[in-house]
Amino acid sequence: MTARSKGHVLPFLILAALSAPPAQASESTVNSSNQVEERQMTQHPYVGMWVTDDGRIRHELLPDGRYDEARGSRQSAYRGRYEVTGTHIEYWDDTGFTADGDFVDENTLHHGGMILRRQ
């Protein structure tokens, strides 16, 4: 190979690499992973409805890591995602608002100065 032809090989290899389709996980692998995560969340002890004693605030912790909060007669006043680490919960509202709370036991959640109980 001459010096001149070597200069043409590298650009060709770069072009070939850039035009190759990206490696993707198979659909069955992705579906299987999502099913495992959802099954784990469904079995998580905190998934479900949490309500203040006066019934005004209602948090529904969904098995897919999302929550839906109703306030008074306003359904879905806040929606977003949540993560539980031990007994601590972090919320990220879809509008960018963040909050957190702590589960005192399997039936009591302290959040934003409120006490919510499992429904």
PDB file of N, CA and C in Angstrom:
ATOM      1  N   MET A   1       0.854  -1.167   0.000  1.00  0.00           N
ATOM      2  CA  MET A   1       0.000   0.000   0.000  1.00  0.00           C
ATOM      3  C   MET A   1       0.899   1.227   0.000  1.00  0.00           C
ATOM      4  N   THR A   2       0.612   2.150  -0.827  1.00  0.00           N
ATOM      5  CA  THR A   2       1.431   3.353  -0.935  1.00  0.00           C
ATOM      6  C   THR A   2       0.961   4.375   0.098  1.00  0.00           C
ATOM      7  N   ALA A   3       1.766   5.386   0.318  1.00  0.00           N
ATOM      8  CA  ALA A   3       1.414   6.452   1.261  1.00  0.00           C
ATOM      9  C   ALA A   3       0.129   7.135   0.834  1.00  0.00           C
ATOM     10  N   ARG A   4      -0.040   7.253  -0.482  1.00  0.00           N
ATOM     11  CA  ARG A   4      -1.236   7.928  -0.991  1.00  0.00           C
ATOM     12  C   ARG A   4      -2.491   7.114  -0.672  1.00  0.00           C
ATOM     13  N   SER A   5      -2.471   5.794  -0.833  1.00  0.00           N
ATOM     14  CA  SER A   5      -3.669   4.989  -0.592  1.00  0.00           C
ATOM     15  C   SER A   5      -3.994   4.879   0.900  1.00  0.00           C
ATOM     16  N   LYS A   6      -2.989   4.948   1.756  1.00  0.00           N
ATOM     17  CA  LYS A   6      -3.247   4.906   3.192  1.00  0.00           C
ATOM     18  C   LYS A   6      -4.123   6.071   3.625  1.00  0.00           C
ATOM     19  N   GLY A   7      -3.943   7.216   3.035  1.00  0.00           N
ATOM     20  CA  GLY A   7      -4.719   8.401   3.389  1.00  0.00           C
ATOM     21  C   GLY A   7      -6.196   8.247   3.079  1.00  0.00           C
ATOM     22  N   HIS A   8      -6.559   7.348   2.160  1.00  0.00           N
ATOM     23  CA  HIS A   8      -7.957   7.154   1.778  1.00  0.00           C
ATOM     24  C   HIS A   8      -8.644   6.088   2.625  1.00  0.00           C
ATOM     25  N   VAL A   9      -7.896   5.230   3.302  1.00  0.00           N
ATOM     26  CA  VAL A   9      -8.481   4.138   4.081  1.00  0.00           C
ATOM     27  C   VAL A   9      -9.137   4.676   5.349  1.00  0.00           C
ATOM     28  N   LEU A  10      -8.471   5.541   6.085  1.00  0.00           N
ATOM     29  CA  LEU A  10      -8.997   6.040   7.349  1.00  0.00           C
ATOM     30  C   LEU A  10     -10.316   6.785   7.172  1.00  0.00           C
ATOM     31  N   PRO A  11     -10.434   7.726   6.228  1.00  0.00           N
ATOM     32  CA  PRO A  11     -11.738   8.373   6.048  1.00  0.00           C
ATOM     33  C   PRO A  11     -12.834   7.381   5.676  1.00  0.00           C
ATOM     34  N   PHE A  12     -12.485   6.352   4.887  1.00  0.00           N
ATOM     35  CA  PHE A  12     -13.479   5.349   4.518  1.00  0.00           C
ATOM     36  C   PHE A  12     -13.962   4.587   5.746  1.00  0.00           C
ATOM     37  N   LEU A  13     -13.031   4.206   6.635  1.00  0.00           N
ATOM     38  CA  LEU A  13     -13.407   3.471   7.846  1.00  0.00           C
ATOM     39  C   LEU A  13     -14.274   4.335   8.761  1.00  0.00           C
ATOM     40  N   ILE A  14     -13.938   5.596   8.898  1.00  0.00           N
ATOM     41  CA  ILE A  14     -14.731   6.504   9.732  1.00  0.00           C
ATOM     42  C   ILE A  14     -16.133   6.656   9.151  1.00  0.00           C
ATOM     43  N   LEU A  15     -16.215   6.844   7.852  1.00  0.00           N
ATOM     44  CA  LEU A  15     -17.510   6.981   7.188  1.00  0.00           C
ATOM     45  C   LEU A  15     -18.343   5.719   7.359  1.00  0.00           C
ATOM     46  N   ALA A  16     -17.715   4.555   7.220  1.00  0.00           N
ATOM     47  CA  ALA A  16     -18.429   3.285   7.371  1.00  0.00           C
ATOM     48  C   ALA A  16     -18.954   3.134   8.797  1.00  0.00           C
ATOM     49  N   ALA A  17     -18.145   3.503   9.780  1.00  0.00           N
ATOM     50  CA  ALA A  17     -18.571   3.397  11.183  1.00  0.00           C
ATOM     51  C   ALA A  17     -19.718   4.347  11.483  1.00  0.00           C
ATOM     52  N   LEU A  18     -19.667   5.554  10.941  1.00  0.00           N
ATOM     53  CA  LEU A  18     -20.719   6.537  11.202  1.00  0.00           C
ATOM     54  C   LEU A  18     -22.031   6.159  10.532  1.00  0.00           C
ATOM     55  N   SER A  19     -21.971   5.458   9.418  1.00  0.00           N
ATOM     56  CA  SER A  19     -23.197   5.123   8.702  1.00  0.00           C
ATOM     57  C   SER A  19     -23.790   3.798   9.166  1.00  0.00           C
ATOM     58  N   ALA A  20     -23.084   3.053  10.025  1.00  0.00           N
ATOM     59  CA  ALA A  20     -23.610   1.783  10.526  1.00  0.00           C
ATOM     60  C   ALA A  20     -24.752   2.064  11.500  1.00  0.00           C
ATOM     61  N   PRO A  21     -25.810   1.259  11.468  1.00  0.00           N
ATOM     62  CA  PRO A  21     -26.918   1.476  12.394  1.00  0.00           C
ATOM     63  C   PRO A  21     -26.468   1.209  13.818  1.00  0.00           C
ATOM     64  N   PRO A  22     -26.986   1.961  14.811  1.00  0.00           N
ATOM     65  CA  PRO A  22     -26.575   1.753  16.194  1.00  0.00           C
ATOM     66  C   PRO A  22     -27.087   0.412  16.699  1.00  0.00           C
ATOM     67  N   ALA A  23     -26.337  -0.181  17.616  1.00  0.00           N
ATOM     68  CA  ALA A  23     -26.766  -1.442  18.219  1.00  0.00           C
ATOM     69  C   ALA A  23     -27.952  -1.156  19.125  1.00  0.00           C
ATOM     70  N   GLN A  24     -28.956  -2.004  19.047  1.00  0.00           N
ATOM     71  CA  GLN A  24     -30.146  -1.809  19.868  1.00  0.00           C
ATOM     72  C   GLN A  24     -30.450  -3.091  20.618  1.00  0.00           C
ATOM     73  N   ALA A  25     -31.020  -2.928  21.818  1.00  0.00           N
ATOM     74  CA  ALA A  25     -31.450  -4.093  22.574  1.00  0.00           C
ATOM     75  C   ALA A  25     -32.666  -4.678  21.881  1.00  0.00           C
ATOM     76  N   SER A  26     -32.789  -5.977  21.953  1.00  0.00           N
ATOM     77  CA  SER A  26     -33.949  -6.593  21.315  1.00  0.00           C
ATOM     78  C   SER A  26     -35.212  -6.174  22.058  1.00  0.00           C
ATOM     79  N   GLU A  27     -36.329  -6.176  21.350  1.00  0.00           N
ATOM     80  CA  GLU A  27     -37.599  -5.767  21.938  1.00  0.00           C
ATOM     81  C   GLU A  27     -37.956  -6.666  23.107  1.00  0.00           C
ATOM     82  N   SER A  28     -37.654  -7.971  23.015  1.00  0.00           N
ATOM     83  CA  SER A  28     -37.991  -8.884  24.100  1.00  0.00           C
ATOM     84  C   SER A  28     -37.160  -8.579  25.338  1.00  0.00           C
ATOM     85  N   THR A  29     -35.902  -8.156  25.173  1.00  0.00           N
ATOM     86  CA  THR A  29     -35.065  -7.796  26.319  1.00  0.00           C
ATOM     87  C   THR A  29     -35.608  -6.554  27.007  1.00  0.00           C
ATOM     88  N   VAL A  30     -35.989  -5.537  26.246  1.00  0.00           N
ATOM     89  CA  VAL A  30     -36.532  -4.304  26.805  1.00  0.00           C
ATOM     90  C   VAL A  30     -37.847  -4.588  27.517  1.00  0.00           C
ATOM     91  N   ASN A  31     -38.745  -5.338  26.873  1.00  0.00           N
ATOM     92  CA  ASN A  31     -40.030  -5.668  27.492  1.00  0.00           C
ATOM     93  C   ASN A  31     -39.839  -6.458  28.775  1.00  0.00           C
ATOM     94  N   SER A  32     -38.920  -7.406  28.764  1.00  0.00           N
ATOM     95  CA  SER A  32     -38.653  -8.218  29.944  1.00  0.00           C
ATOM     96  C   SER A  32     -38.150  -7.355  31.090  1.00  0.00           C
ATOM     97  N   SER A  33     -37.238  -6.416  30.790  1.00  0.00           N
ATOM     98  CA  SER A  33     -36.701  -5.513  31.809  1.00  0.00           C
ATOM     99  C   SER A  33     -37.806  -4.634  32.394  1.00  0.00           C
ATOM    100  N   ASN A  34     -38.669  -4.087  31.531  1.00  0.00           N
ATOM    101  CA  ASN A  34     -39.775  -3.248  32.004  1.00  0.00           C
ATOM    102  C   ASN A  34     -40.737  -4.043  32.871  1.00  0.00           C
ATOM    103  N   GLN A  35     -41.003  -5.298  32.513  1.00  0.00           N
ATOM    104  CA  GLN A  35     -41.913  -6.129  33.290  1.00  0.00           C
ATOM    105  C   GLN A  35     -41.339  -6.421  34.670  1.00  0.00           C
ATOM    106  N   VAL A  36     -40.045  -6.674  34.753  1.00  0.00           N
ATOM    107  CA  VAL A  36     -39.402  -6.935  36.041  1.00  0.00           C
ATOM    108  C   VAL A  36     -39.501  -5.703  36.928  1.00  0.00           C
ATOM    109  N   GLU A  37     -39.177  -4.506  36.370  1.00  0.00           N
ATOM    110  CA  GLU A  37     -39.259  -3.273  37.151  1.00  0.00           C
ATOM    111  C   GLU A  37     -40.680  -3.020  37.639  1.00  0.00           C
ATOM    112  N   GLU A  38     -41.671  -3.195  36.758  1.00  0.00           N
ATOM    113  CA  GLU A  38     -43.055  -2.952  37.144  1.00  0.00           C
ATOM    114  C   GLU A  38     -43.501  -3.957  38.202  1.00  0.00           C
ATOM    115  N   ARG A  39     -43.088  -5.223  38.077  1.00  0.00           N
ATOM    116  CA  ARG A  39     -43.455  -6.226  39.068  1.00  0.00           C
ATOM    117  C   ARG A  39     -42.850  -5.868  40.419  1.00  0.00           C
ATOM    118  N   GLN A  40     -41.601  -5.394  40.434  1.00  0.00           N
ATOM    119  CA  GLN A  40     -40.962  -4.999  41.685  1.00  0.00           C
ATOM    120  C   GLN A  40     -41.703  -3.824  42.320  1.00  0.00           C
ATOM    121  N   MET A  41     -42.109  -2.830  41.513  1.00  0.00           N
ATOM    122  CA  MET A  41     -42.826  -1.680  42.047  1.00  0.00           C
ATOM    123  C   MET A  41     -44.212  -2.092  42.547  1.00  0.00           C
ATOM    124  N   THR A  42     -44.889  -3.012  41.845  1.00  0.00           N
ATOM    125  CA  THR A  42     -46.205  -3.468  42.268  1.00  0.00           C
ATOM    126  C   THR A  42     -46.107  -4.133  43.631  1.00  0.00           C
ATOM    127  N   GLN A  43     -45.019  -4.820  43.866  1.00  0.00           N
ATOM    128  CA  GLN A  43     -44.826  -5.516  45.125  1.00  0.00           C
ATOM    129  C   GLN A  43     -44.251  -4.599  46.208  1.00  0.00           C
ATOM    130  N   HIS A  44     -43.857  -3.392  45.846  1.00  0.00           N
ATOM    131  CA  HIS A  44     -43.282  -2.459  46.817  1.00  0.00           C
ATOM    132  C   HIS A  44     -44.342  -2.101  47.848  1.00  0.00           C
ATOM    133  N   PRO A  45     -43.988  -2.070  49.119  1.00  0.00           N
ATOM    134  CA  PRO A  45     -45.002  -1.843  50.161  1.00  0.00           C
ATOM    135  C   PRO A  45     -45.648  -0.459  50.146  1.00  0.00           C
ATOM    136  N   TYR A  46     -45.082   0.515  49.429  1.00  0.00           N
ATOM    137  CA  TYR A  46     -45.639   1.871  49.461  1.00  0.00           C
ATOM    138  C   TYR A  46     -46.511   2.212  48.260  1.00  0.00           C
ATOM    139  N   VAL A  47     -46.589   1.336  47.259  1.00  0.00           N
ATOM    140  CA  VAL A  47     -47.448   1.586  46.105  1.00  0.00           C
ATOM    141  C   VAL A  47     -48.900   1.591  46.572  1.00  0.00           C
ATOM    142  N   GLY A  48     -49.672   2.559  46.078  1.00  0.00           N
ATOM    143  CA  GLY A  48     -51.084   2.621  46.428  1.00  0.00           C
ATOM    144  C   GLY A  48     -51.513   4.047  46.740  1.00  0.00           C
ATOM    145  N   MET A  49     -52.661   4.178  47.374  1.00  0.00           N
ATOM    146  CA  MET A  49     -53.256   5.485  47.674  1.00  0.00           C
ATOM    147  C   MET A  49     -52.909   5.924  49.091  1.00  0.00           C
ATOM    148  N   TRP A  50     -52.500   7.199  49.195  1.00  0.00           N
ATOM    149  CA  TRP A  50     -52.151   7.828  50.473  1.00  0.00           C
ATOM    150  C   TRP A  50     -52.996   9.089  50.607  1.00  0.00           C
ATOM    151  N   VAL A  51     -53.669   9.264  51.749  1.00  0.00           N
ATOM    152  CA  VAL A  51     -54.665  10.321  51.901  1.00  0.00           C
ATOM    153  C   VAL A  51     -54.483  11.018  53.252  1.00  0.00           C
ATOM    154  N   THR A  52     -54.655  12.363  53.270  1.00  0.00           N
ATOM    155  CA  THR A  52     -54.651  13.095  54.541  1.00  0.00           C
ATOM    156  C   THR A  52     -55.923  12.719  55.307  1.00  0.00           C
ATOM    157  N   ASP A  53     -55.899  12.919  56.626  1.00  0.00           N
ATOM    158  CA  ASP A  53     -57.037  12.533  57.460  1.00  0.00           C
ATOM    159  C   ASP A  53     -58.332  13.236  57.040  1.00  0.00           C
ATOM    160  N   ASP A  54     -58.226  14.463  56.523  1.00  0.00           N
ATOM    161  CA  ASP A  54     -59.430  15.178  56.083  1.00  0.00           C
ATOM    162  C   ASP A  54     -59.834  14.823  54.647  1.00  0.00           C
ATOM    163  N   GLY A  55     -59.032  13.977  53.975  1.00  0.00           N
ATOM    164  CA  GLY A  55     -59.353  13.524  52.625  1.00  0.00           C
ATOM    165  C   GLY A  55     -59.059  14.540  51.527  1.00  0.00           C
ATOM    166  N   ARG A  56     -58.519  15.702  51.892  1.00  0.00           N
ATOM    167  CA  ARG A  56     -58.292  16.762  50.915  1.00  0.00           C
ATOM    168  C   ARG A  56     -57.146  16.460  49.957  1.00  0.00           C
ATOM    169  N   ILE A  57     -56.074  15.859  50.434  1.00  0.00           N
ATOM    170  CA  ILE A  57     -54.897  15.539  49.605  1.00  0.00           C
ATOM    171  C   ILE A  57     -54.843  14.025  49.431  1.00  0.00           C
ATOM    172  N   ARG A  58     -54.722  13.608  48.170  1.00  0.00           N
ATOM    173  CA  ARG A  58     -54.672  12.182  47.849  1.00  0.00           C
ATOM    174  C   ARG A  58     -53.518  11.927  46.883  1.00  0.00           C
ATOM    175  N   HIS A  59     -52.538  11.152  47.340  1.00  0.00           N
ATOM    176  CA  HIS A  59     -51.394  10.763  46.499  1.00  0.00           C
ATOM    177  C   HIS A  59     -51.603   9.322  46.080  1.00  0.00           C
ATOM    178  N   GLU A  60     -51.587   9.075  44.788  1.00  0.00           N
ATOM    179  CA  GLU A  60     -51.594   7.698  44.327  1.00  0.00           C
ATOM    180  C   GLU A  60     -50.217   7.390  43.773  1.00  0.00           C
ATOM    181  N   LEU A  61     -49.504   6.491  44.449  1.00  0.00           N
ATOM    182  CA  LEU A  61     -48.192   6.047  44.003  1.00  0.00           C
ATOM    183  C   LEU A  61     -48.417   4.848  43.090  1.00  0.00           C
ATOM    184  N   LEU A  62     -48.146   5.034  41.819  1.00  0.00           N
ATOM    185  CA  LEU A  62     -48.413   4.013  40.810  1.00  0.00           C
ATOM    186  C   LEU A  62     -47.244   3.039  40.700  1.00  0.00           C
ATOM    187  N   PRO A  63     -47.502   1.808  40.270  1.00  0.00           N
ATOM    188  CA  PRO A  63     -46.437   0.807  40.197  1.00  0.00           C
ATOM    189  C   PRO A  63     -45.356   1.099  39.174  1.00  0.00           C
ATOM    190  N   ASP A  64     -45.594   2.027  38.244  1.00  0.00           N
ATOM    191  CA  ASP A  64     -44.590   2.328  37.218  1.00  0.00           C
ATOM    192  C   ASP A  64     -43.654   3.464  37.613  1.00  0.00           C
ATOM    193  N   GLY A  65     -43.682   3.885  38.905  1.00  0.00           N
ATOM    194  CA  GLY A  65     -42.794   4.958  39.355  1.00  0.00           C
ATOM    195  C   GLY A  65     -43.361   6.349  39.135  1.00  0.00           C
ATOM    196  N   ARG A  66     -44.629   6.445  38.779  1.00  0.00           N
ATOM    197  CA  ARG A  66     -45.306   7.737  38.590  1.00  0.00           C
ATOM    198  C   ARG A  66     -46.273   7.944  39.752  1.00  0.00           C
ATOM    199  N   TYR A  67     -46.630   9.201  39.984  1.00  0.00           N
ATOM    200  CA  TYR A  67     -47.643   9.497  40.991  1.00  0.00           C
ATOM    201  C   TYR A  67     -48.664  10.459  40.404  1.00  0.00           C
ATOM    202  N   ASP A  68     -49.828  10.459  41.031  1.00  0.00           N
ATOM    203  CA  ASP A  68     -50.918  11.345  40.642  1.00  0.00           C
ATOM    204  C   ASP A  68     -51.510  11.885  41.943  1.00  0.00           C
ATOM    205  N   GLU A  69     -51.479  13.204  42.103  1.00  0.00           N
ATOM    206  CA  GLU A  69     -51.969  13.818  43.341  1.00  0.00           C
ATOM    207  C   GLU A  69     -53.222  14.633  43.061  1.00  0.00           C
ATOM    208  N   ALA A  70     -54.257  14.368  43.845  1.00  0.00           N
ATOM    209  CA  ALA A  70     -55.494  15.146  43.778  1.00  0.00           C
ATOM    210  C   ALA A  70     -55.542  16.049  45.001  1.00  0.00           C
ATOM    211  N   ARG A  71     -56.086  17.259  44.812  1.00  0.00           N
ATOM    212  CA  ARG A  71     -56.245  18.223  45.910  1.00  0.00           C
ATOM    213  C   ARG A  71     -57.676  18.730  45.899  1.00  0.00           C
ATOM    214  N   GLY A  72     -58.402  18.423  46.966  1.00  0.00           N
ATOM    215  CA  GLY A  72     -59.805  18.813  47.020  1.00  0.00           C
ATOM    216  C   GLY A  72     -60.560  18.188  45.863  1.00  0.00           C
ATOM    217  N   SER A  73     -61.303  18.995  45.117  1.00  0.00           N
ATOM    218  CA  SER A  73     -62.057  18.482  43.983  1.00  0.00           C
ATOM    219  C   SER A  73     -61.223  18.474  42.695  1.00  0.00           C
ATOM    220  N   ARG A  74     -59.993  18.929  42.795  1.00  0.00           N
ATOM    221  CA  ARG A  74     -59.115  19.005  41.616  1.00  0.00           C
ATOM    222  C   ARG A  74     -58.358  17.694  41.410  1.00  0.00           C
ATOM    223  N   GLN A  75     -58.856  16.866  40.501  1.00  0.00           N
ATOM    224  CA  GLN A  75     -58.198  15.596  40.175  1.00  0.00           C
ATOM    225  C   GLN A  75     -56.896  15.877  39.420  1.00  0.00           C
ATOM    226  N   SER A  76     -55.904  15.052  39.643  1.00  0.00           N
ATOM    227  CA  SER A  76     -54.615  15.159  38.943  1.00  0.00           C
ATOM    228  C   SER A  76     -54.054  16.578  39.018  1.00  0.00           C
ATOM    229  N   ALA A  77     -54.097  17.168  40.204  1.00  0.00           N
ATOM    230  CA  ALA A  77     -53.539  18.510  40.401  1.00  0.00           C
ATOM    231  C   ALA A  77     -52.036  18.509  40.132  1.00  0.00           C
ATOM    232  N   TYR A  78     -51.382  17.432  40.529  1.00  0.00           N
ATOM    233  CA  TYR A  78     -49.950  17.275  40.288  1.00  0.00           C
ATOM    234  C   TYR A  78     -49.698  15.850  39.819  1.00  0.00           C
ATOM    235  N   ARG A  79     -48.791  15.738  38.854  1.00  0.00           N
ATOM    236  CA  ARG A  79     -48.368  14.431  38.350  1.00  0.00           C
ATOM    237  C   ARG A  79     -46.867  14.462  38.161  1.00  0.00           C
ATOM    238  N   GLY A  80     -46.252  13.316  38.262  1.00  0.00           N
ATOM    239  CA  GLY A  80     -44.820  13.241  38.044  1.00  0.00           C
ATOM    240  C   GLY A  80     -44.293  11.869  38.364  1.00  0.00           C
ATOM    241  N   ARG A  81     -43.009  11.834  38.641  1.00  0.00           N
ATOM    242  CA  ARG A  81     -42.384  10.557  38.966  1.00  0.00           C
ATOM    243  C   ARG A  81     -41.890  10.591  40.402  1.00  0.00           C
ATOM    244  N   TYR A  82     -41.654   9.416  40.939  1.00  0.00           N
ATOM    245  CA  TYR A  82     -41.137   9.326  42.298  1.00  0.00           C
ATOM    246  C   TYR A  82     -40.154   8.173  42.393  1.00  0.00           C
ATOM    247  N   GLU A  83     -39.294   8.266  43.409  1.00  0.00           N
ATOM    248  CA  GLU A  83     -38.366   7.182  43.723  1.00  0.00           C
ATOM    249  C   GLU A  83     -38.334   7.016  45.228  1.00  0.00           C
ATOM    250  N   VAL A  84     -38.340   5.775  45.667  1.00  0.00           N
ATOM    251  CA  VAL A  84     -38.250   5.460  47.091  1.00  0.00           C
ATOM    252  C   VAL A  84     -36.902   4.830  47.356  1.00  0.00           C
ATOM    253  N   THR A  85     -36.201   5.370  48.353  1.00  0.00           N
ATOM    254  CA  THR A  85     -34.941   4.799  48.810  1.00  0.00           C
ATOM    255  C   THR A  85     -35.104   4.532  50.304  1.00  0.00           C
ATOM    256  N   GLY A  86     -35.170   3.276  50.659  1.00  0.00           N
ATOM    257  CA  GLY A  86     -35.442   2.927  52.050  1.00  0.00           C
ATOM    258  C   GLY A  86     -36.831   3.407  52.430  1.00  0.00           C
ATOM    259  N   THR A  87     -36.896   4.355  53.369  1.00  0.00           N
ATOM    260  CA  THR A  87     -38.185   4.918  53.780  1.00  0.00           C
ATOM    261  C   THR A  87     -38.348   6.362  53.309  1.00  0.00           C
ATOM    262  N   HIS A  88     -37.454   6.824  52.448  1.00  0.00           N
ATOM    263  CA  HIS A  88     -37.495   8.205  51.947  1.00  0.00           C
ATOM    264  C   HIS A  88     -38.049   8.213  50.526  1.00  0.00           C
ATOM    265  N   ILE A  89     -38.906   9.187  50.215  1.00  0.00           N
ATOM    266  CA  ILE A  89     -39.476   9.309  48.878  1.00  0.00           C
ATOM    267  C   ILE A  89     -39.128  10.673  48.305  1.00  0.00           C
ATOM    268  N   GLU A  90     -38.729  10.695  47.046  1.00  0.00           N
ATOM    269  CA  GLU A  90     -38.439  11.928  46.303  1.00  0.00           C
ATOM    270  C   GLU A  90     -39.465  12.028  45.181  1.00  0.00           C
ATOM    271  N   TYR A  91     -40.029  13.236  44.998  1.00  0.00           N
ATOM    272  CA  TYR A  91     -40.997  13.497  43.936  1.00  0.00           C
ATOM    273  C   TYR A  91     -40.412  14.504  42.946  1.00  0.00           C
ATOM    274  N   TRP A  92     -40.670  14.291  41.655  1.00  0.00           N
ATOM    275  CA  TRP A  92     -40.337  15.238  40.601  1.00  0.00           C
ATOM    276  C   TRP A  92     -41.606  15.472  39.797  1.00  0.00           C
ATOM    277  N   ASP A  93     -42.234  16.613  40.021  1.00  0.00           N
ATOM    278  CA  ASP A  93     -43.459  16.947  39.308  1.00  0.00           C
ATOM    279  C   ASP A  93     -43.143  17.207  37.842  1.00  0.00           C
ATOM    280  N   ASP A  94     -44.099  16.934  36.968  1.00  0.00           N
ATOM    281  CA  ASP A  94     -43.891  17.146  35.530  1.00  0.00           C
ATOM    282  C   ASP A  94     -43.607  18.606  35.184  1.00  0.00           C
ATOM    283  N   THR A  95     -43.979  19.536  36.054  1.00  0.00           N
ATOM    284  CA  THR A  95     -43.728  20.960  35.800  1.00  0.00           C
ATOM    285  C   THR A  95     -42.360  21.404  36.309  1.00  0.00           C
ATOM    286  N   GLY A  96     -41.623  20.494  36.993  1.00  0.00           N
ATOM    287  CA  GLY A  96     -40.296  20.834  37.490  1.00  0.00           C
ATOM    288  C   GLY A  96     -40.220  21.002  38.994  1.00  0.00           C
ATOM    289  N   PHE A  97     -41.359  21.013  39.668  1.00  0.00           N
ATOM    290  CA  PHE A  97     -41.406  21.132  41.130  1.00  0.00           C
ATOM    291  C   PHE A  97     -40.866  19.848  41.754  1.00  0.00           C
ATOM    292  N   THR A  98     -40.104  19.973  42.853  1.00  0.00           N
ATOM    293  CA  THR A  98     -39.610  18.787  43.555  1.00  0.00           C
ATOM    294  C   THR A  98     -40.078  18.810  44.997  1.00  0.00           C
ATOM    295  N   ALA A  99     -40.199  17.647  45.582  1.00  0.00           N
ATOM    296  CA  ALA A  99     -40.606  17.513  46.979  1.00  0.00           C
ATOM    297  C   ALA A  99     -40.082  16.179  47.492  1.00  0.00           C
ATOM    298  N   ASP A 100     -40.210  15.992  48.781  1.00  0.00           N
ATOM    299  CA  ASP A 100     -39.814  14.709  49.350  1.00  0.00           C
ATOM    300  C   ASP A 100     -40.649  14.410  50.582  1.00  0.00           C
ATOM    301  N   GLY A 101     -40.452  13.239  51.132  1.00  0.00           N
ATOM    302  CA  GLY A 101     -41.177  12.827  52.319  1.00  0.00           C
ATOM    303  C   GLY A 101     -40.544  11.587  52.908  1.00  0.00           C
ATOM    304  N   ASP A 102     -41.100  11.149  54.017  1.00  0.00           N
ATOM    305  CA  ASP A 102     -40.585   9.963  54.692  1.00  0.00           C
ATOM    306  C   ASP A 102     -41.742   9.098  55.176  1.00  0.00           C
ATOM    307  N   PHE A 103     -41.615   7.808  54.950  1.00  0.00           N
ATOM    308  CA  PHE A 103     -42.581   6.856  55.460  1.00  0.00           C
ATOM    309  C   PHE A 103     -42.188   6.530  56.898  1.00  0.00           C
ATOM    310  N   VAL A 104     -43.110   6.773  57.825  1.00  0.00           N
ATOM    311  CA  VAL A 104     -42.852   6.502  59.241  1.00  0.00           C
ATOM    312  C   VAL A 104     -43.019   5.010  59.490  1.00  0.00           C
ATOM    313  N   ASP A 105     -44.006   4.435  58.856  1.00  0.00           N
ATOM    314  CA  ASP A 105     -44.234   2.997  58.890  1.00  0.00           C
ATOM    315  C   ASP A 105     -44.971   2.639  57.602  1.00  0.00           C
ATOM    316  N   GLU A 106     -45.471   1.420  57.488  1.00  0.00           N
ATOM    317  CA  GLU A 106     -46.117   0.998  56.241  1.00  0.00           C
ATOM    318  C   GLU A 106     -47.452   1.696  55.989  1.00  0.00           C
ATOM    319  N   ASN A 107     -47.954   2.452  56.979  1.00  0.00           N
ATOM    320  CA  ASN A 107     -49.261   3.097  56.829  1.00  0.00           C
ATOM    321  C   ASN A 107     -49.242   4.609  57.008  1.00  0.00           C
ATOM    322  N   THR A 108     -48.062   5.219  57.202  1.00  0.00           N
ATOM    323  CA  THR A 108     -47.980   6.656  57.466  1.00  0.00           C
ATOM    324  C   THR A 108     -46.861   7.294  56.653  1.00  0.00           C
ATOM    325  N   LEU A 109     -47.212   8.362  55.926  1.00  0.00           N
ATOM    326  CA  LEU A 109     -46.261   9.121  55.116  1.00  0.00           C
ATOM    327  C   LEU A 109     -46.270  10.567  55.577  1.00  0.00           C
ATOM    328  N   HIS A 110     -45.108  11.097  55.931  1.00  0.00           N
ATOM    329  CA  HIS A 110     -44.955  12.522  56.243  1.00  0.00           C
ATOM    330  C   HIS A 110     -44.411  13.194  54.995  1.00  0.00           C
ATOM    331  N   HIS A 111     -45.158  14.201  54.506  1.00  0.00           N
ATOM    332  CA  HIS A 111     -44.777  14.857  53.248  1.00  0.00           C
ATOM    333  C   HIS A 111     -45.234  16.315  53.290  1.00  0.00           C
ATOM    334  N   GLY A 112     -44.294  17.233  53.145  1.00  0.00           N
ATOM    335  CA  GLY A 112     -44.618  18.655  53.052  1.00  0.00           C
ATOM    336  C   GLY A 112     -45.443  19.178  54.214  1.00  0.00           C
ATOM    337  N   GLY A 113     -45.134  18.746  55.427  1.00  0.00           N
ATOM    338  CA  GLY A 113     -45.884  19.193  56.605  1.00  0.00           C
ATOM    339  C   GLY A 113     -47.224  18.494  56.771  1.00  0.00           C
ATOM    340  N   MET A 114     -47.515  17.545  55.912  1.00  0.00           N
ATOM    341  CA  MET A 114     -48.775  16.800  55.989  1.00  0.00           C
ATOM    342  C   MET A 114     -48.503  15.374  56.443  1.00  0.00           C
ATOM    343  N   ILE A 115     -49.529  14.764  56.991  1.00  0.00           N
ATOM    344  CA  ILE A 115     -49.478  13.347  57.320  1.00  0.00           C
ATOM    345  C   ILE A 115     -50.513  12.646  56.445  1.00  0.00           C
ATOM    346  N   LEU A 116     -50.048  11.712  55.658  1.00  0.00           N
ATOM    347  CA  LEU A 116     -50.926  10.934  54.794  1.00  0.00           C
ATOM    348  C   LEU A 116     -50.933   9.496  55.288  1.00  0.00           C
ATOM    349  N   ARG A 117     -52.077   8.859  55.162  1.00  0.00           N
ATOM    350  CA  ARG A 117     -52.212   7.474  55.603  1.00  0.00           C
ATOM    351  C   ARG A 117     -52.620   6.600  54.423  1.00  0.00           C
ATOM    352  N   ARG A 118     -52.181   5.369  54.487  1.00  0.00           N
ATOM    353  CA  ARG A 118     -52.539   4.417  53.434  1.00  0.00           C
ATOM    354  C   ARG A 118     -54.042   4.235  53.414  1.00  0.00           C
ATOM    355  N   GLN A 119     -54.620   4.275  52.232  1.00  0.00           N
ATOM    356  CA  GLN A 119     -56.058   4.090  52.060  1.00  0.00           C
ATOM    357  C   GLN A 119     -56.332   2.639  51.780  1.00  0.00           C
TER     358      GLN A 119
END
